[in-house]
PDB file of N, CA and C in Angstrom:
ATOM      1  N   UNK A   1       1.311   2.350   6.997  1.00  0.00           N
ATOM      2  CA  UNK A   1       0.512   1.418   6.388  1.00  0.00           C
ATOM      3  C   UNK A   1      -0.913   2.044   6.309  1.00  0.00           C
ATOM      4  N   UNK A   2      -1.477   1.720   5.031  1.00  0.00           N
ATOM      5  CA  UNK A   2      -2.691   2.297   4.826  1.00  0.00           C
ATOM      6  C   UNK A   2      -3.887   1.720   5.677  1.00  0.00           C
ATOM      7  N   UNK A   3      -4.813   2.496   6.076  1.00  0.00           N
ATOM      8  CA  UNK A   3      -5.943   1.856   6.878  1.00  0.00           C
ATOM      9  C   UNK A   3      -6.837   1.031   6.046  1.00  0.00           C
ATOM     10  N   UNK A   4      -7.333   0.111   6.525  1.00  0.00           N
ATOM     11  CA  UNK A   4      -8.438  -0.787   5.880  1.00  0.00           C
ATOM     12  C   UNK A   4      -9.582   0.012   5.425  1.00  0.00           C
ATOM     13  N   UNK A   5      -9.949  -0.287   4.149  1.00  0.00           N
ATOM     14  CA  UNK A   5     -11.258   0.423   3.723  1.00  0.00           C
ATOM     15  C   UNK A   5     -12.438  -0.224   4.314  1.00  0.00           C
ATOM     16  N   UNK A   6     -13.502   0.371   4.375  1.00  0.00           N
ATOM     17  CA  UNK A   6     -14.800   0.002   4.924  1.00  0.00           C
ATOM     18  C   UNK A   6     -15.933  -0.146   3.929  1.00  0.00           C
ATOM     19  N   UNK A   7     -16.859  -0.783   4.022  1.00  0.00           N
ATOM     20  CA  UNK A   7     -18.044  -0.593   3.099  1.00  0.00           C
ATOM     21  C   UNK A   7     -18.056  -1.773   2.052  1.00  0.00           C
ATOM     22  N   UNK A   8     -18.993  -1.758   1.256  1.00  0.00           N
ATOM     23  CA  UNK A   8     -18.971  -2.986   0.224  1.00  0.00           C
ATOM     24  C   UNK A   8     -18.068  -2.476  -1.018  1.00  0.00           C
ATOM     25  N   UNK A   9     -17.374  -3.425  -1.565  1.00  0.00           N
ATOM     26  CA  UNK A   9     -16.538  -3.200  -2.775  1.00  0.00           C
ATOM     27  C   UNK A   9     -15.629  -2.055  -2.464  1.00  0.00           C
ATOM     28  N   UNK A  10     -14.931  -1.890  -1.511  1.00  0.00           N
ATOM     29  CA  UNK A  10     -14.112  -0.668  -1.344  1.00  0.00           C
ATOM     30  C   UNK A  10     -12.737  -0.797  -1.853  1.00  0.00           C
ATOM     31  N   UNK A  11     -12.259  -1.987  -2.241  1.00  0.00           N
ATOM     32  CA  UNK A  11     -10.957  -2.116  -2.894  1.00  0.00           C
ATOM     33  C   UNK A  11     -10.985  -3.464  -3.705  1.00  0.00           C
ATOM     34  N   UNK A  12      -9.954  -3.684  -4.537  1.00  0.00           N
ATOM     35  CA  UNK A  12      -9.934  -4.860  -5.474  1.00  0.00           C
ATOM     36  C   UNK A  12      -9.029  -5.778  -4.994  1.00  0.00           C
ATOM     37  N   UNK A  13      -9.557  -6.718  -4.007  1.00  0.00           N
ATOM     38  CA  UNK A  13      -8.707  -7.815  -3.697  1.00  0.00           C
ATOM     39  C   UNK A  13      -9.850  -8.647  -2.891  1.00  0.00           C
ATOM     40  N   UNK A  14      -9.299  -9.730  -2.374  1.00  0.00           N
ATOM     41  CA  UNK A  14     -10.061 -10.677  -1.667  1.00  0.00           C
ATOM     42  C   UNK A  14     -10.792 -10.116  -0.321  1.00  0.00           C
ATOM     43  N   UNK A  15     -11.942  -9.787  -0.550  1.00  0.00           N
ATOM     44  CA  UNK A  15     -12.611  -9.119   0.591  1.00  0.00           C
ATOM     45  C   UNK A  15     -13.647 -10.180   1.219  1.00  0.00           C
ATOM     46  N   UNK A  16     -12.999 -11.148   2.120  1.00  0.00           N
ATOM     47  CA  UNK A  16     -13.830 -11.985   2.727  1.00  0.00           C
ATOM     48  C   UNK A  16     -14.422 -11.516   3.972  1.00  0.00           C
ATOM     49  N   UNK A  17     -15.287 -10.431   3.954  1.00  0.00           N
ATOM     50  CA  UNK A  17     -16.006  -9.744   4.999  1.00  0.00           C
ATOM     51  C   UNK A  17     -17.245 -10.404   5.152  1.00  0.00           C
ATOM     52  N   UNK A  18     -17.775 -10.262   6.340  1.00  0.00           N
ATOM     53  CA  UNK A  18     -19.102 -10.800   6.475  1.00  0.00           C
ATOM     54  C   UNK A  18     -20.213 -10.139   5.532  1.00  0.00           C
ATOM     55  N   UNK A  19     -20.073  -8.958   5.384  1.00  0.00           N
ATOM     56  CA  UNK A  19     -21.061  -8.247   4.435  1.00  0.00           C
ATOM     57  C   UNK A  19     -21.067  -8.703   2.986  1.00  0.00           C
ATOM     58  N   UNK A  20     -19.981  -9.408   2.592  1.00  0.00           N
ATOM     59  CA  UNK A  20     -19.960  -9.951   1.344  1.00  0.00           C
ATOM     60  C   UNK A  20     -20.149 -11.458   1.071  1.00  0.00           C
ATOM     61  N   UNK A  21     -20.542 -11.922   2.276  1.00  0.00           N
ATOM     62  CA  UNK A  21     -20.759 -13.565   2.228  1.00  0.00           C
ATOM     63  C   UNK A  21     -22.147 -13.768   1.863  1.00  0.00           C
ATOM     64  N   UNK A  22     -22.189 -14.880   1.039  1.00  0.00           N
ATOM     65  CA  UNK A  22     -23.452 -15.463   0.367  1.00  0.00           C
ATOM     66  C   UNK A  22     -23.794 -16.631   1.223  1.00  0.00           C
ATOM     67  N   UNK A  23     -25.150 -16.610   1.515  1.00  0.00           N
ATOM     68  CA  UNK A  23     -25.607 -17.810   2.304  1.00  0.00           C
ATOM     69  C   UNK A  23     -26.547 -18.638   1.577  1.00  0.00           C
ATOM     70  N   UNK A  24     -27.166 -19.697   2.198  1.00  0.00           N
ATOM     71  CA  UNK A  24     -28.065 -20.568   1.582  1.00  0.00           C
ATOM     72  C   UNK A  24     -29.460 -19.973   1.502  1.00  0.00           C
ATOM     73  N   UNK A  25     -29.588 -18.923   2.259  1.00  0.00           N
ATOM     74  CA  UNK A  25     -30.800 -18.039   2.267  1.00  0.00           C
ATOM     75  C   UNK A  25     -30.728 -16.857   1.331  1.00  0.00           C
ATOM     76  N   UNK A  26     -31.764 -16.805   0.444  1.00  0.00           N
ATOM     77  CA  UNK A  26     -31.636 -15.765  -0.532  1.00  0.00           C
ATOM     78  C   UNK A  26     -31.894 -14.332   0.176  1.00  0.00           C
ATOM     79  N   UNK A  27     -30.789 -13.550  -0.165  1.00  0.00           N
ATOM     80  CA  UNK A  27     -31.023 -12.119   0.502  1.00  0.00           C
ATOM     81  C   UNK A  27     -30.559 -11.196  -0.674  1.00  0.00           C
ATOM     82  N   UNK A  28     -30.827  -9.867  -0.585  1.00  0.00           N
ATOM     83  CA  UNK A  28     -30.588  -8.892  -1.444  1.00  0.00           C
ATOM     84  C   UNK A  28     -29.097  -8.419  -1.334  1.00  0.00           C
ATOM     85  N   UNK A  29     -28.383  -8.326  -2.364  1.00  0.00           N
ATOM     86  CA  UNK A  29     -27.023  -7.878  -2.313  1.00  0.00           C
ATOM     87  C   UNK A  29     -27.051  -6.264  -1.786  1.00  0.00           C
ATOM     88  N   UNK A  30     -25.976  -5.861  -1.148  1.00  0.00           N
ATOM     89  CA  UNK A  30     -25.887  -4.569  -0.487  1.00  0.00           C
ATOM     90  C   UNK A  30     -25.935  -3.388  -1.721  1.00  0.00           C
ATOM     91  N   UNK A  31     -25.618  -3.759  -2.898  1.00  0.00           N
ATOM     92  CA  UNK A  31     -25.390  -2.897  -4.089  1.00  0.00           C
ATOM     93  C   UNK A  31     -26.136  -3.450  -5.328  1.00  0.00           C
ATOM     94  N   UNK A  32     -26.482  -2.640  -6.130  1.00  0.00           N
ATOM     95  CA  UNK A  32     -27.103  -3.216  -7.376  1.00  0.00           C
ATOM     96  C   UNK A  32     -25.972  -3.791  -8.248  1.00  0.00           C
ATOM     97  N   UNK A  33     -26.067  -5.114  -8.234  1.00  0.00           N
ATOM     98  CA  UNK A  33     -25.016  -5.936  -8.978  1.00  0.00           C
ATOM     99  C   UNK A  33     -25.033  -5.657 -10.530  1.00  0.00           C
ATOM    100  N   UNK A  34     -26.195  -5.223 -11.100  1.00  0.00           N
ATOM    101  CA  UNK A  34     -26.189  -5.026 -12.546  1.00  0.00           C
ATOM    102  C   UNK A  34     -25.340  -3.763 -12.830  1.00  0.00           C
ATOM    103  N   UNK A  35     -24.920  -2.968 -11.924  1.00  0.00           N
ATOM    104  CA  UNK A  35     -24.214  -1.759 -12.219  1.00  0.00           C
ATOM    105  C   UNK A  35     -22.646  -2.102 -12.191  1.00  0.00           C
ATOM    106  N   UNK A  36     -22.279  -3.229 -11.777  1.00  0.00           N
ATOM    107  CA  UNK A  36     -20.892  -3.636 -11.828  1.00  0.00           C
ATOM    108  C   UNK A  36     -20.454  -4.127 -13.085  1.00  0.00           C
ATOM    109  N   UNK A  37     -19.281  -4.029 -13.335  1.00  0.00           N
ATOM    110  CA  UNK A  37     -18.681  -4.562 -14.609  1.00  0.00           C
ATOM    111  C   UNK A  37     -18.501  -6.064 -14.460  1.00  0.00           C
ATOM    112  N   UNK A  38     -17.728  -6.631 -13.346  1.00  0.00           N
ATOM    113  CA  UNK A  38     -17.493  -7.932 -13.223  1.00  0.00           C
ATOM    114  C   UNK A  38     -17.570  -8.252 -11.746  1.00  0.00           C
ATOM    115  N   UNK A  39     -18.075  -9.215 -11.356  1.00  0.00           N
ATOM    116  CA  UNK A  39     -18.233  -9.653  -9.950  1.00  0.00           C
ATOM    117  C   UNK A  39     -17.484 -11.012  -9.870  1.00  0.00           C
ATOM    118  N   UNK A  40     -16.731 -11.165  -8.960  1.00  0.00           N
ATOM    119  CA  UNK A  40     -16.025 -12.367  -8.510  1.00  0.00           C
ATOM    120  C   UNK A  40     -16.725 -13.219  -7.411  1.00  0.00           C
ATOM    121  N   UNK A  41     -16.795 -14.496  -7.761  1.00  0.00           N
ATOM    122  CA  UNK A  41     -17.517 -15.251  -6.744  1.00  0.00           C
ATOM    123  C   UNK A  41     -16.393 -16.309  -6.042  1.00  0.00           C
ATOM    124  N   UNK A  42     -16.312 -16.352  -4.920  1.00  0.00           N
ATOM    125  CA  UNK A  42     -15.184 -17.146  -4.192  1.00  0.00           C
ATOM    126  C   UNK A  42     -15.912 -18.219  -3.450  1.00  0.00           C
ATOM    127  N   UNK A  43     -15.500 -19.569  -3.514  1.00  0.00           N
ATOM    128  CA  UNK A  43     -16.025 -20.554  -2.841  1.00  0.00           C
ATOM    129  C   UNK A  43     -14.848 -21.248  -2.008  1.00  0.00           C
ATOM    130  N   UNK A  44     -15.033 -21.201  -0.821  1.00  0.00           N
ATOM    131  CA  UNK A  44     -13.721 -21.725   0.175  1.00  0.00           C
ATOM    132  C   UNK A  44     -14.263 -23.147   0.797  1.00  0.00           C
ATOM    133  N   UNK A  45     -13.456 -24.051   0.756  1.00  0.00           N
ATOM    134  CA  UNK A  45     -13.498 -25.302   1.657  1.00  0.00           C
ATOM    135  C   UNK A  45     -14.621 -26.125   1.117  1.00  0.00           C
ATOM    136  N   UNK A  46     -14.971 -26.206  -0.227  1.00  0.00           N
ATOM    137  CA  UNK A  46     -15.939 -27.091  -0.815  1.00  0.00           C
ATOM    138  C   UNK A  46     -15.439 -28.611  -0.663  1.00  0.00           C
ATOM    139  N   UNK A  47     -16.464 -29.363  -0.074  1.00  0.00           N
ATOM    140  CA  UNK A  47     -16.088 -30.643   0.089  1.00  0.00           C
ATOM    141  C   UNK A  47     -17.219 -31.645  -0.063  1.00  0.00           C
ATOM    142  N   UNK A  48     -17.188 -32.627  -0.813  1.00  0.00           N
ATOM    143  CA  UNK A  48     -18.086 -33.681  -0.855  1.00  0.00           C
ATOM    144  C   UNK A  48     -19.342 -33.320  -1.697  1.00  0.00           C
ATOM    145  N   UNK A  49     -19.186 -32.311  -2.688  1.00  0.00           N
ATOM    146  CA  UNK A  49     -20.240 -31.914  -3.535  1.00  0.00           C
ATOM    147  C   UNK A  49     -19.975 -30.762  -4.411  1.00  0.00           C
ATOM    148  N   UNK A  50     -20.932 -30.255  -5.017  1.00  0.00           N
ATOM    149  CA  UNK A  50     -20.913 -29.033  -5.829  1.00  0.00           C
ATOM    150  C   UNK A  50     -21.671 -27.899  -5.261  1.00  0.00           C
ATOM    151  N   UNK A  51     -21.209 -26.753  -5.558  1.00  0.00           N
ATOM    152  CA  UNK A  51     -22.034 -25.537  -5.088  1.00  0.00           C
ATOM    153  C   UNK A  51     -22.648 -24.801  -6.264  1.00  0.00           C
ATOM    154  N   UNK A  52     -23.922 -24.472  -6.231  1.00  0.00           N
ATOM    155  CA  UNK A  52     -24.469 -23.635  -7.285  1.00  0.00           C
ATOM    156  C   UNK A  52     -24.713 -22.380  -6.576  1.00  0.00           C
ATOM    157  N   UNK A  53     -24.128 -21.302  -7.310  1.00  0.00           N
ATOM    158  CA  UNK A  53     -24.093 -20.047  -6.496  1.00  0.00           C
ATOM    159  C   UNK A  53     -25.030 -19.166  -7.504  1.00  0.00           C
ATOM    160  N   UNK A  54     -26.264 -18.520  -7.046  1.00  0.00           N
ATOM    161  CA  UNK A  54     -26.935 -17.679  -7.841  1.00  0.00           C
ATOM    162  C   UNK A  54     -26.804 -16.229  -7.393  1.00  0.00           C
ATOM    163  N   UNK A  55     -26.291 -15.326  -8.424  1.00  0.00           N
ATOM    164  CA  UNK A  55     -25.900 -13.929  -8.060  1.00  0.00           C
ATOM    165  C   UNK A  55     -26.755 -13.138  -9.079  1.00  0.00           C
ATOM    166  N   UNK A  56     -27.630 -12.402  -8.524  1.00  0.00           N
ATOM    167  CA  UNK A  56     -28.357 -11.435  -9.508  1.00  0.00           C
ATOM    168  C   UNK A  56     -29.065 -12.172 -10.530  1.00  0.00           C
ATOM    169  N   UNK A  57     -29.612 -13.308 -10.267  1.00  0.00           N
ATOM    170  CA  UNK A  57     -30.271 -14.063 -11.437  1.00  0.00           C
ATOM    171  C   UNK A  57     -29.520 -15.013 -12.094  1.00  0.00           C
ATOM    172  N   UNK A  58     -28.061 -14.966 -11.992  1.00  0.00           N
ATOM    173  CA  UNK A  58     -27.206 -15.729 -12.894  1.00  0.00           C
ATOM    174  C   UNK A  58     -26.665 -16.895 -11.956  1.00  0.00           C
ATOM    175  N   UNK A  59     -26.848 -18.032 -12.452  1.00  0.00           N
ATOM    176  CA  UNK A  59     -26.449 -19.246 -11.668  1.00  0.00           C
ATOM    177  C   UNK A  59     -25.191 -19.848 -12.333  1.00  0.00           C
ATOM    178  N   UNK A  60     -24.255 -20.184 -11.344  1.00  0.00           N
ATOM    179  CA  UNK A  60     -23.065 -20.927 -11.836  1.00  0.00           C
ATOM    180  C   UNK A  60     -22.582 -21.985 -10.928  1.00  0.00           C
ATOM    181  N   UNK A  61     -22.193 -23.033 -11.499  1.00  0.00           N
ATOM    182  CA  UNK A  61     -21.765 -24.170 -10.637  1.00  0.00           C
ATOM    183  C   UNK A  61     -20.349 -24.222 -10.501  1.00  0.00           C
ATOM    184  N   UNK A  62     -19.891 -24.446  -9.139  1.00  0.00           N
ATOM    185  CA  UNK A  62     -18.461 -24.656  -8.717  1.00  0.00           C
ATOM    186  C   UNK A  62     -18.383 -26.206  -8.383  1.00  0.00           C
ATOM    187  N   UNK A  63     -17.769 -26.795  -9.219  1.00  0.00           N
ATOM    188  CA  UNK A  63     -17.722 -28.341  -9.077  1.00  0.00           C
ATOM    189  C   UNK A  63     -16.488 -28.748  -8.328  1.00  0.00           C
ATOM    190  N   UNK A  64     -16.535 -29.460  -7.253  1.00  0.00           N
ATOM    191  CA  UNK A  64     -15.474 -30.058  -6.336  1.00  0.00           C
ATOM    192  C   UNK A  64     -14.461 -30.652  -7.282  1.00  0.00           C
ATOM    193  N   UNK A  65     -14.854 -31.445  -8.186  1.00  0.00           N
ATOM    194  CA  UNK A  65     -13.911 -32.359  -8.885  1.00  0.00           C
ATOM    195  C   UNK A  65     -13.179 -31.626  -9.900  1.00  0.00           C
ATOM    196  N   UNK A  66     -13.596 -30.485 -10.483  1.00  0.00           N
ATOM    197  CA  UNK A  66     -13.032 -29.711 -11.646  1.00  0.00           C
ATOM    198  C   UNK A  66     -12.590 -28.258 -11.349  1.00  0.00           C
ATOM    199  N   UNK A  67     -13.345 -27.666 -10.472  1.00  0.00           N
ATOM    200  CA  UNK A  67     -13.244 -26.161 -10.384  1.00  0.00           C
ATOM    201  C   UNK A  67     -12.404 -25.525  -9.266  1.00  0.00           C
ATOM    202  N   UNK A  68     -11.848 -26.431  -8.368  1.00  0.00           N
ATOM    203  CA  UNK A  68     -11.227 -25.961  -7.158  1.00  0.00           C
ATOM    204  C   UNK A  68      -9.761 -26.087  -7.491  1.00  0.00           C
ATOM    205  N   UNK A  69      -8.908 -25.064  -6.840  1.00  0.00           N
ATOM    206  CA  UNK A  69      -7.481 -25.213  -6.933  1.00  0.00           C
ATOM    207  C   UNK A  69      -7.032 -26.112  -5.844  1.00  0.00           C
ATOM    208  N   UNK A  70      -5.707 -26.310  -5.656  1.00  0.00           N
ATOM    209  CA  UNK A  70      -5.036 -27.137  -4.656  1.00  0.00           C
ATOM    210  C   UNK A  70      -5.351 -26.782  -3.180  1.00  0.00           C
ATOM    211  N   UNK A  71      -5.742 -25.584  -3.052  1.00  0.00           N
ATOM    212  CA  UNK A  71      -6.138 -25.163  -1.726  1.00  0.00           C
ATOM    213  C   UNK A  71      -7.576 -25.271  -1.453  1.00  0.00           C
ATOM    214  N   UNK A  72      -8.355 -25.794  -2.239  1.00  0.00           N
ATOM    215  CA  UNK A  72      -9.850 -26.048  -2.165  1.00  0.00           C
ATOM    216  C   UNK A  72     -10.656 -24.675  -2.364  1.00  0.00           C
ATOM    217  N   UNK A  73     -10.059 -23.731  -3.278  1.00  0.00           N
ATOM    218  CA  UNK A  73     -10.713 -22.572  -3.509  1.00  0.00           C
ATOM    219  C   UNK A  73     -11.214 -22.631  -4.915  1.00  0.00           C
ATOM    220  N   UNK A  74     -12.496 -22.222  -5.126  1.00  0.00           N
ATOM    221  CA  UNK A  74     -13.110 -22.022  -6.511  1.00  0.00           C
ATOM    222  C   UNK A  74     -13.468 -20.615  -6.789  1.00  0.00           C
ATOM    223  N   UNK A  75     -13.034 -20.195  -7.958  1.00  0.00           N
ATOM    224  CA  UNK A  75     -13.465 -18.674  -8.179  1.00  0.00           C
ATOM    225  C   UNK A  75     -13.852 -18.690  -9.657  1.00  0.00           C
ATOM    226  N   UNK A  76     -15.092 -17.942  -9.781  1.00  0.00           N
ATOM    227  CA  UNK A  76     -15.697 -17.613 -10.979  1.00  0.00           C
ATOM    228  C   UNK A  76     -15.994 -16.306 -11.120  1.00  0.00           C
ATOM    229  N   UNK A  77     -16.390 -15.863 -12.415  1.00  0.00           N
ATOM    230  CA  UNK A  77     -16.702 -14.338 -12.561  1.00  0.00           C
ATOM    231  C   UNK A  77     -17.880 -14.305 -13.315  1.00  0.00           C
ATOM    232  N   UNK A  78     -18.741 -13.291 -12.931  1.00  0.00           N
ATOM    233  CA  UNK A  78     -19.967 -12.986 -13.641  1.00  0.00           C
ATOM    234  C   UNK A  78     -19.946 -11.315 -14.108  1.00  0.00           C
ATOM    235  N   UNK A  79     -20.387 -11.202 -15.306  1.00  0.00           N
ATOM    236  CA  UNK A  79     -20.585  -9.788 -15.831  1.00  0.00           C
ATOM    237  C   UNK A  79     -21.761  -9.195 -15.138  1.00  0.00           C
ATOM    238  N   UNK A  80     -21.662  -8.003 -14.534  1.00  0.00           N
ATOM    239  CA  UNK A  80     -22.696  -7.397 -13.798  1.00  0.00           C
ATOM    240  C   UNK A  80     -23.839  -7.035 -14.797  1.00  0.00           C
ATOM    241  N   UNK A  81     -23.594  -6.823 -16.007  1.00  0.00           N
ATOM    242  CA  UNK A  81     -24.752  -6.601 -16.983  1.00  0.00           C
ATOM    243  C   UNK A  81     -25.640  -7.667 -17.084  1.00  0.00           C
ATOM    244  N   UNK A  82     -25.122  -8.965 -16.732  1.00  0.00           N
ATOM    245  CA  UNK A  82     -25.992 -10.022 -16.965  1.00  0.00           C
ATOM    246  C   UNK A  82     -26.970 -10.166 -15.744  1.00  0.00           C
ATOM    247  N   UNK A  83     -26.789  -9.481 -14.647  1.00  0.00           N
ATOM    248  CA  UNK A  83     -27.574  -9.759 -13.377  1.00  0.00           C
ATOM    249  C   UNK A  83     -29.009  -8.878 -13.550  1.00  0.00           C
ATOM    250  N   UNK A  84     -29.998  -9.452 -13.020  1.00  0.00           N
ATOM    251  CA  UNK A  84     -31.340  -9.041 -13.254  1.00  0.00           C
ATOM    252  C   UNK A  84     -31.600  -8.085 -12.085  1.00  0.00           C
ATOM    253  N   UNK A  85     -32.689  -7.352 -12.030  1.00  0.00           N
ATOM    254  CA  UNK A  85     -33.214  -6.277 -11.188  1.00  0.00           C
ATOM    255  C   UNK A  85     -33.326  -6.915  -9.769  1.00  0.00           C
ATOM    256  N   UNK A  86     -33.722  -8.204  -9.612  1.00  0.00           N
ATOM    257  CA  UNK A  86     -33.998  -8.639  -8.251  1.00  0.00           C
ATOM    258  C   UNK A  86     -32.719  -8.631  -7.224  1.00  0.00           C
ATOM    259  N   UNK A  87     -31.560  -8.659  -7.884  1.00  0.00           N
ATOM    260  CA  UNK A  87     -30.234  -8.367  -7.253  1.00  0.00           C
ATOM    261  C   UNK A  87     -30.014  -9.329  -6.076  1.00  0.00           C
ATOM    262  N   UNK A  88     -30.612 -10.528  -6.056  1.00  0.00           N
ATOM    263  CA  UNK A  88     -30.531 -11.487  -4.916  1.00  0.00           C
ATOM    264  C   UNK A  88     -29.263 -12.350  -4.995  1.00  0.00           C
ATOM    265  N   UNK A  89     -28.831 -12.729  -3.792  1.00  0.00           N
ATOM    266  CA  UNK A  89     -27.528 -13.713  -3.951  1.00  0.00           C
ATOM    267  C   UNK A  89     -27.914 -14.836  -2.999  1.00  0.00           C
ATOM    268  N   UNK A  90     -27.466 -16.137  -3.426  1.00  0.00           N
ATOM    269  CA  UNK A  90     -27.584 -17.392  -2.482  1.00  0.00           C
ATOM    270  C   UNK A  90     -26.805 -18.516  -3.096  1.00  0.00           C
ATOM    271  N   UNK A  91     -26.673 -19.541  -2.438  1.00  0.00           N
ATOM    272  CA  UNK A  91     -26.043 -20.728  -2.955  1.00  0.00           C
ATOM    273  C   UNK A  91     -26.670 -21.857  -2.481  1.00  0.00           C
ATOM    274  N   UNK A  92     -26.517 -23.075  -3.030  1.00  0.00           N
ATOM    275  CA  UNK A  92     -27.095 -24.327  -2.696  1.00  0.00           C
ATOM    276  C   UNK A  92     -26.012 -25.501  -2.975  1.00  0.00           C
ATOM    277  N   UNK A  93     -25.958 -26.357  -2.094  1.00  0.00           N
ATOM    278  CA  UNK A  93     -25.036 -27.618  -2.202  1.00  0.00           C
ATOM    279  C   UNK A  93     -25.796 -28.651  -2.655  1.00  0.00           C
ATOM    280  N   UNK A  94     -25.136 -29.408  -3.773  1.00  0.00           N
ATOM    281  CA  UNK A  94     -25.548 -30.627  -4.186  1.00  0.00           C
ATOM    282  C   UNK A  94     -25.476 -31.767  -2.960  1.00  0.00           C
ATOM    283  N   UNK A  95     -24.435 -31.635  -2.187  1.00  0.00           N
ATOM    284  CA  UNK A  95     -24.113 -32.512  -1.152  1.00  0.00           C
ATOM    285  C   UNK A  95     -22.882 -31.965  -0.494  1.00  0.00           C
ATOM    286  N   UNK A  96     -22.484 -32.481   0.585  1.00  0.00           N
ATOM    287  CA  UNK A  96     -21.322 -32.057   1.289  1.00  0.00           C
ATOM    288  C   UNK A  96     -21.332 -30.726   2.039  1.00  0.00           C
ATOM    289  N   UNK A  97     -20.194 -30.133   2.268  1.00  0.00           N
ATOM    290  CA  UNK A  97     -20.060 -28.903   3.111  1.00  0.00           C
ATOM    291  C   UNK A  97     -19.145 -27.836   2.254  1.00  0.00           C
ATOM    292  N   UNK A  98     -19.275 -26.525   2.863  1.00  0.00           N
ATOM    293  CA  UNK A  98     -18.584 -25.488   2.354  1.00  0.00           C
ATOM    294  C   UNK A  98     -18.057 -24.648   3.462  1.00  0.00           C
ATOM    295  N   UNK A  99     -16.814 -24.130   3.241  1.00  0.00           N
ATOM    296  CA  UNK A  99     -16.331 -23.164   4.259  1.00  0.00           C
ATOM    297  C   UNK A  99     -16.798 -21.709   4.251  1.00  0.00           C
ATOM    298  N   UNK A 100     -17.183 -21.368   3.146  1.00  0.00           N
ATOM    299  CA  UNK A 100     -17.798 -19.996   2.839  1.00  0.00           C
ATOM    300  C   UNK A 100     -17.964 -19.582   1.458  1.00  0.00           C
ATOM    301  N   UNK A 101     -18.879 -18.759   1.146  1.00  0.00           N
ATOM    302  CA  UNK A 101     -19.183 -18.342  -0.287  1.00  0.00           C
ATOM    303  C   UNK A 101     -19.126 -16.886  -0.171  1.00  0.00           C
ATOM    304  N   UNK A 102     -18.441 -16.191  -0.982  1.00  0.00           N
ATOM    305  CA  UNK A 102     -18.464 -14.601  -0.906  1.00  0.00           C
ATOM    306  C   UNK A 102     -18.411 -14.043  -2.406  1.00  0.00           C
ATOM    307  N   UNK A 103     -18.743 -12.689  -2.517  1.00  0.00           N
ATOM    308  CA  UNK A 103     -18.744 -12.082  -3.828  1.00  0.00           C
ATOM    309  C   UNK A 103     -18.019 -10.755  -3.616  1.00  0.00           C
ATOM    310  N   UNK A 104     -17.421 -10.328  -4.785  1.00  0.00           N
ATOM    311  CA  UNK A 104     -16.755  -8.894  -4.651  1.00  0.00           C
ATOM    312  C   UNK A 104     -16.653  -8.393  -5.914  1.00  0.00           C
ATOM    313  N   UNK A 105     -16.615  -7.018  -6.115  1.00  0.00           N
ATOM    314  CA  UNK A 105     -16.492  -6.172  -7.265  1.00  0.00           C
ATOM    315  C   UNK A 105     -14.991  -6.456  -7.827  1.00  0.00           C
ATOM    316  N   UNK A 106     -14.805  -6.649  -9.047  1.00  0.00           N
ATOM    317  CA  UNK A 106     -13.489  -6.777  -9.686  1.00  0.00           C
ATOM    318  C   UNK A 106     -13.093  -5.336 -10.422  1.00  0.00           C
ATOM    319  N   UNK A 107     -14.038  -4.824 -11.282  1.00  0.00           N
ATOM    320  CA  UNK A 107     -13.580  -3.686 -12.079  1.00  0.00           C
ATOM    321  C   UNK A 107     -14.217  -2.350 -11.629  1.00  0.00           C
ATOM    322  N   UNK A 108     -15.351  -2.513 -10.959  1.00  0.00           N
ATOM    323  CA  UNK A 108     -15.920  -1.174 -10.723  1.00  0.00           C
ATOM    324  C   UNK A 108     -17.324  -1.054 -11.446  1.00  0.00           C
ATOM    325  N   UNK A 109     -17.880   0.014 -11.123  1.00  0.00           N
ATOM    326  CA  UNK A 109     -19.225   0.230 -11.669  1.00  0.00           C
ATOM    327  C   UNK A 109     -19.014   0.568 -13.213  1.00  0.00           C
ATOM    328  N   UNK A 110     -20.203  -0.144 -14.102  1.00  0.00           N
ATOM    329  CA  UNK A 110     -20.111   0.181 -15.489  1.00  0.00           C
ATOM    330  C   UNK A 110     -20.674   1.659 -15.738  1.00  0.00           C
ATOM    331  N   UNK A 111     -20.298   1.985 -16.917  1.00  0.00           N
ATOM    332  CA  UNK A 111     -20.529   3.397 -17.261  1.00  0.00           C
ATOM    333  C   UNK A 111     -21.568   3.507 -18.466  1.00  0.00           C
ATOM    334  N   UNK A 112     -22.728   3.013 -18.347  1.00  0.00           N
ATOM    335  CA  UNK A 112     -23.556   3.285 -19.501  1.00  0.00           C
ATOM    336  C   UNK A 112     -24.745   2.210 -19.445  1.00  0.00           C
TER     337      UNK A 112
END
């Protein structure tokens, strides 16, 4: 069996590692998000409200009523080229609770 990769964006699947977790406090991402082709945002256990996730200056809303699957998971994608230079990540809840918010690389660095 292959050893688990380490570091940020080492593989293309759900990397729900602490280093990829987004919190309600604005923090800088570990890599320059604008260099990624596509970034996946995963919201787990959203209950009682909506989550607004800001990733590299792009905001997206995961709505409890319409955006969650049967397991309570919401997934959205952001093009890295849309992210701005501040490279910050955070989320805010309109109400309710969330089990966790994460981001990960989908395609790899852009080339241009």
